[in-house]
Amino acid sequence: MTTVLVADDQPLIRAGFRRLVDSAPGFRTVAEAATGQEAVTLAARALPDLVLMDVRMPVMDGIEATRRICAARPGTRVLIVTTFDLDEYVYGALRAGAAGFLLKDTRPAELLKAMEVVASGESLLAPTVTRRLIERYVVPGAASLRITDREREVLVLVAGGLSNAEIAGRLYVTLSTVKTHVSSLLTKLDARSRVHLVIAAYEAGLV
């Protein structure tokens, strides 16, 4: 069972997220927070596996709350869900340790899938956010990557937004094999997360 903390200053939004979380098999809401400070306090007390975190909240914003939660308990995954996709929020959230960034106009089914992806240890970004990262960090004409043909295939699929399980199905290999390839890519490309792998794929002109 994946336990979830919902952090948002709007009661109706929290209630909606809670209903969605509790309706999903394998997920259960264990706490709700109305401020960033409350999210940090409740995260330390409830020890959730996943936090759905808003950005604009009173007392302490979601970025700082994410930083403190991730520093105190690296095993807790934070998925930012906000109305605003401003650059400062995107970069701030990723630097703080967030594993995902989505907008509140995301469909419920897509949010549930994102929760599964992030809870499994992977990273996920809204398409508009991915484009922004690429525009900011990609350098045209980057050198070819020193990776194997199979790793190149996996990298392209990661850049396409596929999860490890989906990549395994596409390439007809085991999930453990895909995890090995992803781990190798992270090491070879000096990447901290799948987000950086996406950037590397675009730099190399693979997608």
N, C-alpha and C. Protein backbone atom coordinates (compact mmCIF):
# COMPACT_ATOMS: atom_id res chain seq x y z
N MET A 1 0.84 -1.20 0.00
CA MET A 1 0.00 0.00 0.00
C MET A 1 0.88 1.25 0.00
N THR A 2 0.66 2.15 -0.94
CA THR A 2 1.40 3.41 -1.02
C THR A 2 0.65 4.47 -0.24
N THR A 3 1.28 5.01 0.80
CA THR A 3 0.63 6.03 1.61
C THR A 3 0.92 7.42 1.04
N VAL A 4 -0.09 8.29 1.13
CA VAL A 4 -0.01 9.60 0.47
C VAL A 4 -0.36 10.74 1.43
N LEU A 5 0.43 11.80 1.35
CA LEU A 5 0.13 13.05 2.05
C LEU A 5 -0.29 14.07 1.00
N VAL A 6 -1.44 14.70 1.20
CA VAL A 6 -1.94 15.72 0.27
C VAL A 6 -1.71 17.09 0.88
N ALA A 7 -0.97 17.95 0.18
CA ALA A 7 -0.66 19.29 0.68
C ALA A 7 -1.16 20.35 -0.29
N ASP A 8 -2.18 21.08 0.13
CA ASP A 8 -2.76 22.16 -0.69
C ASP A 8 -3.54 23.08 0.24
N ASP A 9 -3.45 24.38 0.00
CA ASP A 9 -4.12 25.31 0.91
C ASP A 9 -5.61 25.44 0.65
N GLN A 10 -6.12 24.85 -0.42
CA GLN A 10 -7.54 24.94 -0.72
C GLN A 10 -8.27 23.66 -0.29
N PRO A 11 -9.21 23.77 0.65
CA PRO A 11 -9.92 22.59 1.17
C PRO A 11 -10.59 21.75 0.09
N LEU A 12 -11.19 22.39 -0.89
CA LEU A 12 -11.87 21.64 -1.94
C LEU A 12 -10.88 20.84 -2.78
N ILE A 13 -9.72 21.42 -3.06
CA ILE A 13 -8.69 20.72 -3.83
C ILE A 13 -8.19 19.52 -3.03
N ARG A 14 -7.93 19.73 -1.74
CA ARG A 14 -7.47 18.62 -0.90
C ARG A 14 -8.50 17.49 -0.87
N ALA A 15 -9.76 17.87 -0.73
CA ALA A 15 -10.82 16.86 -0.68
C ALA A 15 -10.90 16.08 -1.99
N GLY A 16 -10.73 16.79 -3.10
CA GLY A 16 -10.77 16.14 -4.41
C GLY A 16 -9.62 15.18 -4.59
N PHE A 17 -8.43 15.62 -4.21
CA PHE A 17 -7.25 14.74 -4.30
C PHE A 17 -7.41 13.52 -3.40
N ARG A 18 -7.95 13.75 -2.20
CA ARG A 18 -8.11 12.63 -1.26
C ARG A 18 -9.07 11.58 -1.83
N ARG A 19 -10.17 12.04 -2.40
CA ARG A 19 -11.12 11.09 -2.99
C ARG A 19 -10.47 10.31 -4.13
N LEU A 20 -9.69 11.02 -4.95
CA LEU A 20 -9.03 10.37 -6.08
C LEU A 20 -8.02 9.34 -5.59
N VAL A 21 -7.20 9.74 -4.62
CA VAL A 21 -6.18 8.83 -4.08
C VAL A 21 -6.83 7.60 -3.47
N ASP A 22 -7.83 7.81 -2.63
CA ASP A 22 -8.45 6.69 -1.92
C ASP A 22 -9.29 5.79 -2.82
N SER A 23 -9.59 6.28 -4.03
CA SER A 23 -10.35 5.45 -4.97
C SER A 23 -9.43 4.54 -5.78
N ALA A 24 -8.14 4.80 -5.71
CA ALA A 24 -7.17 4.04 -6.51
C ALA A 24 -6.66 2.83 -5.73
N PRO A 25 -6.67 1.66 -6.35
CA PRO A 25 -6.13 0.47 -5.69
C PRO A 25 -4.66 0.65 -5.33
N GLY A 26 -4.31 0.32 -4.11
CA GLY A 26 -2.91 0.41 -3.71
C GLY A 26 -2.48 1.75 -3.17
N PHE A 27 -3.40 2.72 -3.08
CA PHE A 27 -3.07 4.04 -2.54
C PHE A 27 -4.01 4.39 -1.37
N ARG A 28 -3.47 5.10 -0.39
CA ARG A 28 -4.28 5.51 0.75
C ARG A 28 -3.77 6.83 1.30
N THR A 29 -4.67 7.79 1.49
CA THR A 29 -4.30 9.08 2.07
C THR A 29 -4.13 8.93 3.57
N VAL A 30 -2.99 9.39 4.08
CA VAL A 30 -2.73 9.27 5.52
C VAL A 30 -2.71 10.62 6.23
N ALA A 31 -2.65 11.72 5.46
CA ALA A 31 -2.63 13.05 6.09
C ALA A 31 -2.92 14.12 5.05
N GLU A 32 -3.42 15.27 5.55
CA GLU A 32 -3.67 16.43 4.71
C GLU A 32 -3.02 17.65 5.35
N ALA A 33 -2.42 18.51 4.53
CA ALA A 33 -1.76 19.71 5.03
C ALA A 33 -2.25 20.93 4.27
N ALA A 34 -2.45 22.04 4.99
CA ALA A 34 -2.93 23.27 4.38
C ALA A 34 -1.82 24.28 4.16
N THR A 35 -0.64 24.02 4.74
CA THR A 35 0.52 24.91 4.56
C THR A 35 1.77 24.06 4.33
N GLY A 36 2.81 24.71 3.83
CA GLY A 36 4.05 23.99 3.63
C GLY A 36 4.64 23.50 4.94
N GLN A 37 4.56 24.34 5.96
CA GLN A 37 5.09 23.95 7.27
C GLN A 37 4.35 22.74 7.82
N GLU A 38 3.04 22.74 7.65
CA GLU A 38 2.24 21.61 8.11
C GLU A 38 2.60 20.34 7.34
N ALA A 39 2.90 20.50 6.06
CA ALA A 39 3.29 19.35 5.25
C ALA A 39 4.58 18.74 5.77
N VAL A 40 5.54 19.59 6.13
CA VAL A 40 6.82 19.10 6.67
C VAL A 40 6.59 18.37 7.98
N THR A 41 5.78 18.95 8.86
CA THR A 41 5.49 18.35 10.17
C THR A 41 4.78 17.00 10.02
N LEU A 42 3.76 16.98 9.16
CA LEU A 42 2.99 15.75 8.98
C LEU A 42 3.78 14.67 8.26
N ALA A 43 4.67 15.09 7.36
CA ALA A 43 5.51 14.12 6.65
C ALA A 43 6.43 13.40 7.63
N ALA A 44 6.95 14.15 8.61
CA ALA A 44 7.83 13.56 9.62
C ALA A 44 7.06 12.63 10.54
N ARG A 45 5.77 12.91 10.73
CA ARG A 45 4.96 12.12 11.66
C ARG A 45 4.32 10.91 10.96
N ALA A 46 3.76 11.13 9.76
CA ALA A 46 3.04 10.06 9.07
C ALA A 46 3.93 9.21 8.17
N LEU A 47 5.11 9.73 7.81
CA LEU A 47 6.07 9.03 6.96
C LEU A 47 5.43 8.50 5.67
N PRO A 48 4.82 9.37 4.89
CA PRO A 48 4.17 8.93 3.65
C PRO A 48 5.18 8.49 2.60
N ASP A 49 4.74 7.61 1.71
CA ASP A 49 5.59 7.19 0.59
C ASP A 49 5.61 8.26 -0.50
N LEU A 50 4.49 8.99 -0.60
CA LEU A 50 4.30 9.96 -1.68
C LEU A 50 3.62 11.21 -1.14
N VAL A 51 4.05 12.38 -1.63
CA VAL A 51 3.41 13.64 -1.26
C VAL A 51 2.92 14.33 -2.52
N LEU A 52 1.64 14.70 -2.54
CA LEU A 52 1.11 15.53 -3.62
C LEU A 52 1.20 16.96 -3.10
N MET A 53 2.08 17.75 -3.70
CA MET A 53 2.46 19.05 -3.14
C MET A 53 2.08 20.22 -4.04
N ASP A 54 1.32 21.17 -3.49
CA ASP A 54 1.05 22.42 -4.18
C ASP A 54 2.27 23.32 -4.01
N VAL A 55 2.36 24.39 -4.78
CA VAL A 55 3.49 25.31 -4.66
C VAL A 55 3.13 26.53 -3.82
N ARG A 56 2.08 27.22 -4.20
CA ARG A 56 1.71 28.44 -3.49
C ARG A 56 0.86 28.10 -2.26
N MET A 57 1.50 28.14 -1.10
CA MET A 57 0.81 27.89 0.16
C MET A 57 1.32 28.86 1.21
N PRO A 58 0.50 29.17 2.23
CA PRO A 58 0.93 30.11 3.27
C PRO A 58 1.96 29.50 4.22
N VAL A 59 2.60 30.35 5.00
CA VAL A 59 3.60 30.01 6.02
C VAL A 59 4.91 29.54 5.37
N MET A 60 4.82 28.50 4.52
CA MET A 60 5.99 28.00 3.79
C MET A 60 5.50 27.48 2.45
N ASP A 61 6.19 27.86 1.36
CA ASP A 61 5.72 27.40 0.05
C ASP A 61 6.10 25.93 -0.19
N GLY A 62 5.52 25.36 -1.24
CA GLY A 62 5.72 23.95 -1.52
C GLY A 62 7.14 23.59 -1.92
N ILE A 63 7.88 24.55 -2.49
CA ILE A 63 9.26 24.28 -2.89
C ILE A 63 10.13 24.05 -1.67
N GLU A 64 10.03 24.95 -0.69
CA GLU A 64 10.81 24.81 0.53
C GLU A 64 10.37 23.57 1.31
N ALA A 65 9.07 23.32 1.32
CA ALA A 65 8.57 22.13 2.01
C ALA A 65 9.12 20.86 1.36
N THR A 66 9.18 20.86 0.04
CA THR A 66 9.74 19.72 -0.69
C THR A 66 11.20 19.52 -0.33
N ARG A 67 11.95 20.61 -0.28
CA ARG A 67 13.38 20.54 0.05
C ARG A 67 13.57 19.91 1.43
N ARG A 68 12.77 20.34 2.40
CA ARG A 68 12.93 19.84 3.76
C ARG A 68 12.49 18.38 3.88
N ILE A 69 11.41 18.04 3.21
CA ILE A 69 10.93 16.66 3.28
C ILE A 69 11.93 15.71 2.63
N CYS A 70 12.43 16.07 1.46
CA CYS A 70 13.38 15.20 0.75
C CYS A 70 14.70 15.08 1.50
N ALA A 71 15.11 16.16 2.18
CA ALA A 71 16.35 16.12 2.94
C ALA A 71 16.21 15.25 4.18
N ALA A 72 15.03 15.32 4.81
CA ALA A 72 14.81 14.57 6.05
C ALA A 72 14.54 13.09 5.78
N ARG A 73 13.87 12.81 4.67
CA ARG A 73 13.52 11.42 4.37
C ARG A 73 13.57 11.20 2.86
N PRO A 74 14.75 10.89 2.33
CA PRO A 74 14.93 10.72 0.88
C PRO A 74 13.98 9.69 0.26
N GLY A 75 13.49 8.76 1.07
CA GLY A 75 12.59 7.74 0.54
C GLY A 75 11.21 8.24 0.19
N THR A 76 10.86 9.41 0.69
CA THR A 76 9.55 10.00 0.37
C THR A 76 9.63 10.69 -0.98
N ARG A 77 8.72 10.33 -1.87
CA ARG A 77 8.70 10.91 -3.21
C ARG A 77 7.71 12.07 -3.24
N VAL A 78 8.09 13.17 -3.87
CA VAL A 78 7.22 14.35 -3.94
C VAL A 78 6.82 14.61 -5.39
N LEU A 79 5.51 14.70 -5.60
CA LEU A 79 4.95 15.04 -6.91
C LEU A 79 4.29 16.40 -6.80
N ILE A 80 4.88 17.39 -7.47
CA ILE A 80 4.31 18.74 -7.46
C ILE A 80 3.09 18.78 -8.37
N VAL A 81 1.97 19.28 -7.85
CA VAL A 81 0.75 19.44 -8.65
C VAL A 81 0.27 20.87 -8.43
N THR A 82 0.45 21.72 -9.43
CA THR A 82 0.18 23.14 -9.24
C THR A 82 -0.54 23.74 -10.45
N THR A 83 -1.10 24.91 -10.24
CA THR A 83 -1.78 25.63 -11.32
C THR A 83 -0.76 26.34 -12.20
N PHE A 84 0.40 26.64 -11.65
CA PHE A 84 1.38 27.48 -12.33
C PHE A 84 2.61 26.69 -12.79
N ASP A 85 3.02 26.88 -14.04
CA ASP A 85 4.23 26.22 -14.54
C ASP A 85 5.32 27.25 -14.83
N LEU A 86 5.44 28.23 -13.92
CA LEU A 86 6.46 29.26 -14.06
C LEU A 86 7.85 28.64 -13.95
N ASP A 87 8.80 29.20 -14.67
CA ASP A 87 10.17 28.68 -14.66
C ASP A 87 10.72 28.52 -13.25
N GLU A 88 10.50 29.54 -12.42
CA GLU A 88 11.07 29.50 -11.07
C GLU A 88 10.51 28.33 -10.27
N TYR A 89 9.26 27.96 -10.53
CA TYR A 89 8.66 26.84 -9.82
C TYR A 89 9.22 25.52 -10.32
N VAL A 90 9.32 25.40 -11.65
CA VAL A 90 9.82 24.16 -12.24
C VAL A 90 11.24 23.86 -11.76
N TYR A 91 12.15 24.84 -11.95
CA TYR A 91 13.55 24.62 -11.57
C TYR A 91 13.70 24.50 -10.07
N GLY A 92 12.94 25.30 -9.34
CA GLY A 92 13.01 25.24 -7.88
C GLY A 92 12.58 23.88 -7.35
N ALA A 93 11.51 23.34 -7.93
CA ALA A 93 10.99 22.04 -7.49
C ALA A 93 11.99 20.92 -7.78
N LEU A 94 12.58 20.94 -8.96
CA LEU A 94 13.54 19.90 -9.33
C LEU A 94 14.80 19.99 -8.47
N ARG A 95 15.26 21.20 -8.22
CA ARG A 95 16.43 21.37 -7.36
C ARG A 95 16.14 20.93 -5.93
N ALA A 96 14.89 21.11 -5.51
CA ALA A 96 14.51 20.75 -4.14
C ALA A 96 14.39 19.25 -3.96
N GLY A 97 14.32 18.51 -5.09
CA GLY A 97 14.24 17.07 -4.98
C GLY A 97 12.93 16.45 -5.43
N ALA A 98 12.03 17.25 -6.00
CA ALA A 98 10.76 16.70 -6.46
C ALA A 98 11.00 15.66 -7.56
N ALA A 99 10.20 14.61 -7.55
CA ALA A 99 10.34 13.55 -8.55
C ALA A 99 9.39 13.75 -9.73
N GLY A 100 8.48 14.71 -9.61
CA GLY A 100 7.55 14.95 -10.71
C GLY A 100 6.94 16.32 -10.62
N PHE A 101 6.43 16.82 -11.75
CA PHE A 101 5.83 18.15 -11.81
C PHE A 101 4.66 18.09 -12.79
N LEU A 102 3.45 18.29 -12.28
CA LEU A 102 2.25 18.28 -13.12
C LEU A 102 1.42 19.52 -12.86
N LEU A 103 0.56 19.84 -13.81
CA LEU A 103 -0.35 20.95 -13.66
C LEU A 103 -1.73 20.44 -13.23
N LYS A 104 -2.50 21.31 -12.60
CA LYS A 104 -3.80 20.89 -12.06
C LYS A 104 -4.85 20.66 -13.14
N ASP A 105 -4.53 20.98 -14.39
CA ASP A 105 -5.47 20.66 -15.46
C ASP A 105 -5.25 19.25 -16.00
N THR A 106 -4.36 18.50 -15.35
CA THR A 106 -4.12 17.10 -15.71
C THR A 106 -5.38 16.28 -15.43
N ARG A 107 -5.71 15.36 -16.33
CA ARG A 107 -6.87 14.50 -16.14
C ARG A 107 -6.65 13.56 -14.95
N PRO A 108 -7.73 13.22 -14.23
CA PRO A 108 -7.59 12.33 -13.06
C PRO A 108 -6.85 11.03 -13.37
N ALA A 109 -7.16 10.41 -14.50
CA ALA A 109 -6.50 9.15 -14.86
C ALA A 109 -5.01 9.35 -15.06
N GLU A 110 -4.63 10.50 -15.64
CA GLU A 110 -3.22 10.79 -15.88
C GLU A 110 -2.50 11.07 -14.56
N LEU A 111 -3.20 11.70 -13.62
CA LEU A 111 -2.61 11.96 -12.31
C LEU A 111 -2.36 10.64 -11.58
N LEU A 112 -3.31 9.74 -11.65
CA LEU A 112 -3.14 8.44 -11.00
C LEU A 112 -1.96 7.68 -11.61
N LYS A 113 -1.82 7.75 -12.92
CA LYS A 113 -0.69 7.09 -13.57
C LYS A 113 0.61 7.73 -13.13
N ALA A 114 0.61 9.06 -13.02
CA ALA A 114 1.80 9.78 -12.58
C ALA A 114 2.17 9.38 -11.16
N MET A 115 1.18 9.21 -10.31
CA MET A 115 1.43 8.78 -8.94
C MET A 115 2.09 7.41 -8.92
N GLU A 116 1.62 6.52 -9.77
CA GLU A 116 2.20 5.17 -9.84
C GLU A 116 3.65 5.23 -10.30
N VAL A 117 3.91 6.06 -11.31
CA VAL A 117 5.26 6.19 -11.86
C VAL A 117 6.22 6.75 -10.81
N VAL A 118 5.81 7.83 -10.17
CA VAL A 118 6.66 8.46 -9.17
C VAL A 118 6.86 7.56 -7.96
N ALA A 119 5.78 6.91 -7.51
CA ALA A 119 5.87 6.03 -6.35
C ALA A 119 6.79 4.84 -6.62
N SER A 120 6.92 4.46 -7.89
CA SER A 120 7.77 3.31 -8.25
C SER A 120 9.25 3.69 -8.28
N GLY A 121 9.54 4.98 -8.09
CA GLY A 121 10.94 5.41 -8.07
C GLY A 121 11.38 6.13 -9.32
N GLU A 122 10.46 6.37 -10.25
CA GLU A 122 10.80 7.05 -11.49
C GLU A 122 10.41 8.52 -11.42
N SER A 123 10.76 9.28 -12.46
CA SER A 123 10.44 10.70 -12.51
C SER A 123 9.46 10.97 -13.64
N LEU A 124 8.71 12.06 -13.52
CA LEU A 124 7.72 12.38 -14.54
C LEU A 124 7.48 13.87 -14.57
N LEU A 125 7.42 14.43 -15.79
CA LEU A 125 7.17 15.85 -15.96
C LEU A 125 6.04 16.08 -16.96
N ALA A 126 5.29 17.14 -16.74
CA ALA A 126 4.28 17.54 -17.72
C ALA A 126 4.99 17.87 -19.03
N PRO A 127 4.38 17.57 -20.19
CA PRO A 127 5.02 17.83 -21.48
C PRO A 127 5.53 19.26 -21.65
N THR A 128 4.76 20.24 -21.17
CA THR A 128 5.20 21.63 -21.32
C THR A 128 6.45 21.89 -20.50
N VAL A 129 6.57 21.21 -19.37
CA VAL A 129 7.75 21.36 -18.52
C VAL A 129 8.96 20.74 -19.20
N THR A 130 8.78 19.57 -19.79
CA THR A 130 9.88 18.91 -20.50
C THR A 130 10.40 19.80 -21.61
N ARG A 131 9.50 20.40 -22.37
CA ARG A 131 9.92 21.29 -23.45
C ARG A 131 10.72 22.47 -22.90
N ARG A 132 10.29 23.00 -21.77
CA ARG A 132 10.99 24.14 -21.20
C ARG A 132 12.40 23.76 -20.77
N LEU A 133 12.53 22.59 -20.18
CA LEU A 133 13.86 22.13 -19.78
C LEU A 133 14.76 21.97 -21.00
N ILE A 134 14.20 21.42 -22.06
CA ILE A 134 14.97 21.21 -23.28
C ILE A 134 15.43 22.55 -23.85
N GLU A 135 14.51 23.51 -23.91
CA GLU A 135 14.84 24.81 -24.46
C GLU A 135 15.92 25.51 -23.65
N ARG A 136 15.92 25.24 -22.35
CA ARG A 136 16.90 25.92 -21.49
C ARG A 136 18.25 25.24 -21.49
N TYR A 137 18.25 23.90 -21.51
CA TYR A 137 19.50 23.18 -21.30
C TYR A 137 20.13 22.55 -22.54
N VAL A 138 19.35 22.29 -23.56
CA VAL A 138 19.90 21.59 -24.72
C VAL A 138 20.82 22.49 -25.53
N VAL A 139 21.96 21.95 -25.88
CA VAL A 139 22.92 22.68 -26.71
C VAL A 139 22.94 22.05 -28.10
N PRO A 140 22.54 22.78 -29.14
CA PRO A 140 22.52 22.21 -30.48
C PRO A 140 23.87 21.64 -30.87
N GLY A 141 23.85 20.51 -31.56
CA GLY A 141 25.09 19.93 -32.04
C GLY A 141 25.90 19.24 -30.97
N ALA A 142 25.24 18.81 -29.90
CA ALA A 142 25.96 18.13 -28.83
C ALA A 142 26.62 16.87 -29.36
N ALA A 143 27.72 16.47 -28.72
CA ALA A 143 28.46 15.29 -29.15
C ALA A 143 27.64 14.02 -28.99
N SER A 144 27.95 13.02 -29.83
CA SER A 144 27.25 11.75 -29.75
C SER A 144 27.52 11.09 -28.40
N LEU A 145 26.53 10.35 -27.95
CA LEU A 145 26.65 9.70 -26.66
C LEU A 145 27.44 8.41 -26.79
N ARG A 146 28.26 8.12 -25.78
CA ARG A 146 29.05 6.89 -25.76
C ARG A 146 28.25 5.80 -25.05
N ILE A 147 27.25 5.29 -25.74
CA ILE A 147 26.41 4.25 -25.16
C ILE A 147 26.18 3.15 -26.20
N THR A 148 25.72 1.99 -25.73
CA THR A 148 25.47 0.87 -26.64
C THR A 148 24.20 1.10 -27.45
N ASP A 149 24.02 0.29 -28.49
CA ASP A 149 22.82 0.41 -29.31
C ASP A 149 21.57 0.16 -28.49
N ARG A 150 21.62 -0.84 -27.60
CA ARG A 150 20.46 -1.15 -26.77
C ARG A 150 20.17 -0.02 -25.79
N GLU A 151 21.22 0.55 -25.23
CA GLU A 151 21.04 1.68 -24.31
C GLU A 151 20.45 2.87 -25.06
N ARG A 152 20.84 3.02 -26.32
CA ARG A 152 20.29 4.11 -27.13
C ARG A 152 18.79 3.91 -27.34
N GLU A 153 18.38 2.67 -27.59
CA GLU A 153 16.96 2.36 -27.75
C GLU A 153 16.19 2.70 -26.48
N VAL A 154 16.76 2.30 -25.34
CA VAL A 154 16.11 2.55 -24.05
C VAL A 154 16.02 4.05 -23.79
N LEU A 155 17.08 4.79 -24.11
CA LEU A 155 17.10 6.23 -23.89
C LEU A 155 16.02 6.93 -24.70
N VAL A 156 15.84 6.51 -25.94
CA VAL A 156 14.80 7.11 -26.80
C VAL A 156 13.42 6.88 -26.19
N LEU A 157 13.20 5.68 -25.65
CA LEU A 157 11.90 5.36 -25.06
C LEU A 157 11.69 6.11 -23.75
N VAL A 158 12.76 6.28 -22.97
CA VAL A 158 12.67 7.08 -21.75
C VAL A 158 12.29 8.51 -22.11
N ALA A 159 12.92 9.04 -23.15
CA ALA A 159 12.62 10.41 -23.61
C ALA A 159 11.19 10.52 -24.11
N GLY A 160 10.64 9.39 -24.55
CA GLY A 160 9.26 9.38 -25.02
C GLY A 160 8.25 9.29 -23.91
N GLY A 161 8.74 9.23 -22.66
CA GLY A 161 7.84 9.22 -21.52
C GLY A 161 7.39 7.85 -21.05
N LEU A 162 7.99 6.78 -21.60
CA LEU A 162 7.57 5.43 -21.22
C LEU A 162 8.18 5.04 -19.86
N SER A 163 7.42 4.29 -19.10
CA SER A 163 7.92 3.78 -17.82
C SER A 163 8.81 2.57 -18.09
N ASN A 164 9.50 2.09 -17.07
CA ASN A 164 10.35 0.91 -17.24
C ASN A 164 9.54 -0.30 -17.71
N ALA A 165 8.36 -0.47 -17.14
CA ALA A 165 7.51 -1.60 -17.52
C ALA A 165 7.09 -1.51 -18.98
N GLU A 166 6.75 -0.31 -19.42
CA GLU A 166 6.34 -0.11 -20.82
C GLU A 166 7.51 -0.34 -21.76
N ILE A 167 8.71 0.08 -21.35
CA ILE A 167 9.90 -0.14 -22.18
C ILE A 167 10.18 -1.64 -22.30
N ALA A 168 10.04 -2.36 -21.19
CA ALA A 168 10.26 -3.81 -21.20
C ALA A 168 9.32 -4.48 -22.19
N GLY A 169 8.05 -4.05 -22.20
CA GLY A 169 7.08 -4.62 -23.13
C GLY A 169 7.39 -4.28 -24.57
N ARG A 170 7.86 -3.06 -24.80
CA ARG A 170 8.17 -2.61 -26.16
C ARG A 170 9.38 -3.35 -26.73
N LEU A 171 10.39 -3.60 -25.88
CA LEU A 171 11.63 -4.22 -26.34
C LEU A 171 11.65 -5.74 -26.12
N TYR A 172 10.60 -6.27 -25.51
CA TYR A 172 10.51 -7.72 -25.25
C TYR A 172 11.67 -8.21 -24.38
N VAL A 173 11.95 -7.45 -23.32
CA VAL A 173 12.98 -7.84 -22.36
C VAL A 173 12.36 -7.77 -20.96
N THR A 174 13.09 -8.26 -19.97
CA THR A 174 12.57 -8.25 -18.61
C THR A 174 12.67 -6.86 -18.00
N LEU A 175 11.87 -6.64 -16.95
CA LEU A 175 11.89 -5.35 -16.25
C LEU A 175 13.26 -5.12 -15.63
N SER A 176 13.87 -6.17 -15.09
CA SER A 176 15.19 -6.02 -14.46
C SER A 176 16.25 -5.60 -15.49
N THR A 177 16.09 -6.10 -16.73
CA THR A 177 17.03 -5.73 -17.79
C THR A 177 16.92 -4.24 -18.11
N VAL A 178 15.68 -3.75 -18.17
CA VAL A 178 15.47 -2.33 -18.43
C VAL A 178 16.06 -1.49 -17.31
N LYS A 179 15.84 -1.91 -16.07
CA LYS A 179 16.37 -1.16 -14.93
C LYS A 179 17.90 -1.10 -14.99
N THR A 180 18.51 -2.20 -15.43
CA THR A 180 19.96 -2.24 -15.56
C THR A 180 20.44 -1.24 -16.61
N HIS A 181 19.73 -1.20 -17.75
CA HIS A 181 20.10 -0.26 -18.81
C HIS A 181 19.93 1.19 -18.34
N VAL A 182 18.82 1.47 -17.65
CA VAL A 182 18.58 2.83 -17.17
C VAL A 182 19.65 3.24 -16.17
N SER A 183 19.99 2.33 -15.28
CA SER A 183 21.04 2.59 -14.29
C SER A 183 22.38 2.88 -14.99
N SER A 184 22.68 2.10 -16.04
CA SER A 184 23.90 2.31 -16.80
C SER A 184 23.90 3.66 -17.49
N LEU A 185 22.76 4.05 -18.04
CA LEU A 185 22.64 5.35 -18.70
C LEU A 185 22.85 6.49 -17.71
N LEU A 186 22.27 6.36 -16.53
CA LEU A 186 22.43 7.39 -15.51
C LEU A 186 23.90 7.58 -15.16
N THR A 187 24.62 6.46 -15.08
CA THR A 187 26.04 6.52 -14.74
C THR A 187 26.88 7.10 -15.88
N LYS A 188 26.67 6.57 -17.10
CA LYS A 188 27.46 7.00 -18.25
C LYS A 188 27.24 8.47 -18.60
N LEU A 189 26.01 8.92 -18.42
CA LEU A 189 25.68 10.29 -18.82
C LEU A 189 25.74 11.26 -17.64
N ASP A 190 26.18 10.74 -16.48
CA ASP A 190 26.30 11.56 -15.28
C ASP A 190 24.99 12.29 -15.00
N ALA A 191 23.89 11.53 -15.10
CA ALA A 191 22.55 12.08 -14.90
C ALA A 191 22.02 11.69 -13.53
N ARG A 192 21.32 12.60 -12.87
CA ARG A 192 20.79 12.32 -11.54
C ARG A 192 19.40 11.69 -11.59
N SER A 193 18.70 11.86 -12.70
CA SER A 193 17.34 11.33 -12.79
C SER A 193 16.96 11.12 -14.24
N ARG A 194 15.76 10.57 -14.45
CA ARG A 194 15.26 10.37 -15.80
C ARG A 194 15.07 11.69 -16.53
N VAL A 195 14.82 12.75 -15.77
CA VAL A 195 14.67 14.07 -16.38
C VAL A 195 15.94 14.44 -17.14
N HIS A 196 17.09 14.19 -16.53
CA HIS A 196 18.36 14.51 -17.18
C HIS A 196 18.62 13.58 -18.37
N LEU A 197 18.09 12.37 -18.32
CA LEU A 197 18.22 11.47 -19.46
C LEU A 197 17.44 12.01 -20.66
N VAL A 198 16.26 12.57 -20.39
CA VAL A 198 15.46 13.16 -21.46
C VAL A 198 16.23 14.30 -22.12
N ILE A 199 16.85 15.13 -21.30
CA ILE A 199 17.64 16.25 -21.82
C ILE A 199 18.79 15.73 -22.67
N ALA A 200 19.47 14.69 -22.20
CA ALA A 200 20.60 14.11 -22.94
C ALA A 200 20.14 13.58 -24.29
N ALA A 201 18.97 12.97 -24.32
CA ALA A 201 18.45 12.41 -25.57
C ALA A 201 18.20 13.50 -26.59
N TYR A 202 17.66 14.63 -26.13
CA TYR A 202 17.42 15.75 -27.04
C TYR A 202 18.73 16.40 -27.46
N GLU A 203 19.68 16.49 -26.55
CA GLU A 203 20.98 17.05 -26.90
C GLU A 203 21.65 16.27 -28.02
N ALA A 204 21.50 14.95 -27.97
CA ALA A 204 22.14 14.09 -28.96
C ALA A 204 21.33 13.97 -30.24
N GLY A 205 20.16 14.60 -30.27
CA GLY A 205 19.33 14.54 -31.46
C GLY A 205 18.64 13.21 -31.67
N LEU A 206 18.46 12.45 -30.58
CA LEU A 206 17.81 11.14 -30.70
C LEU A 206 16.30 11.25 -30.82
N VAL A 207 15.74 12.37 -30.36
CA VAL A 207 14.29 12.58 -30.45
C VAL A 207 14.02 14.01 -30.88
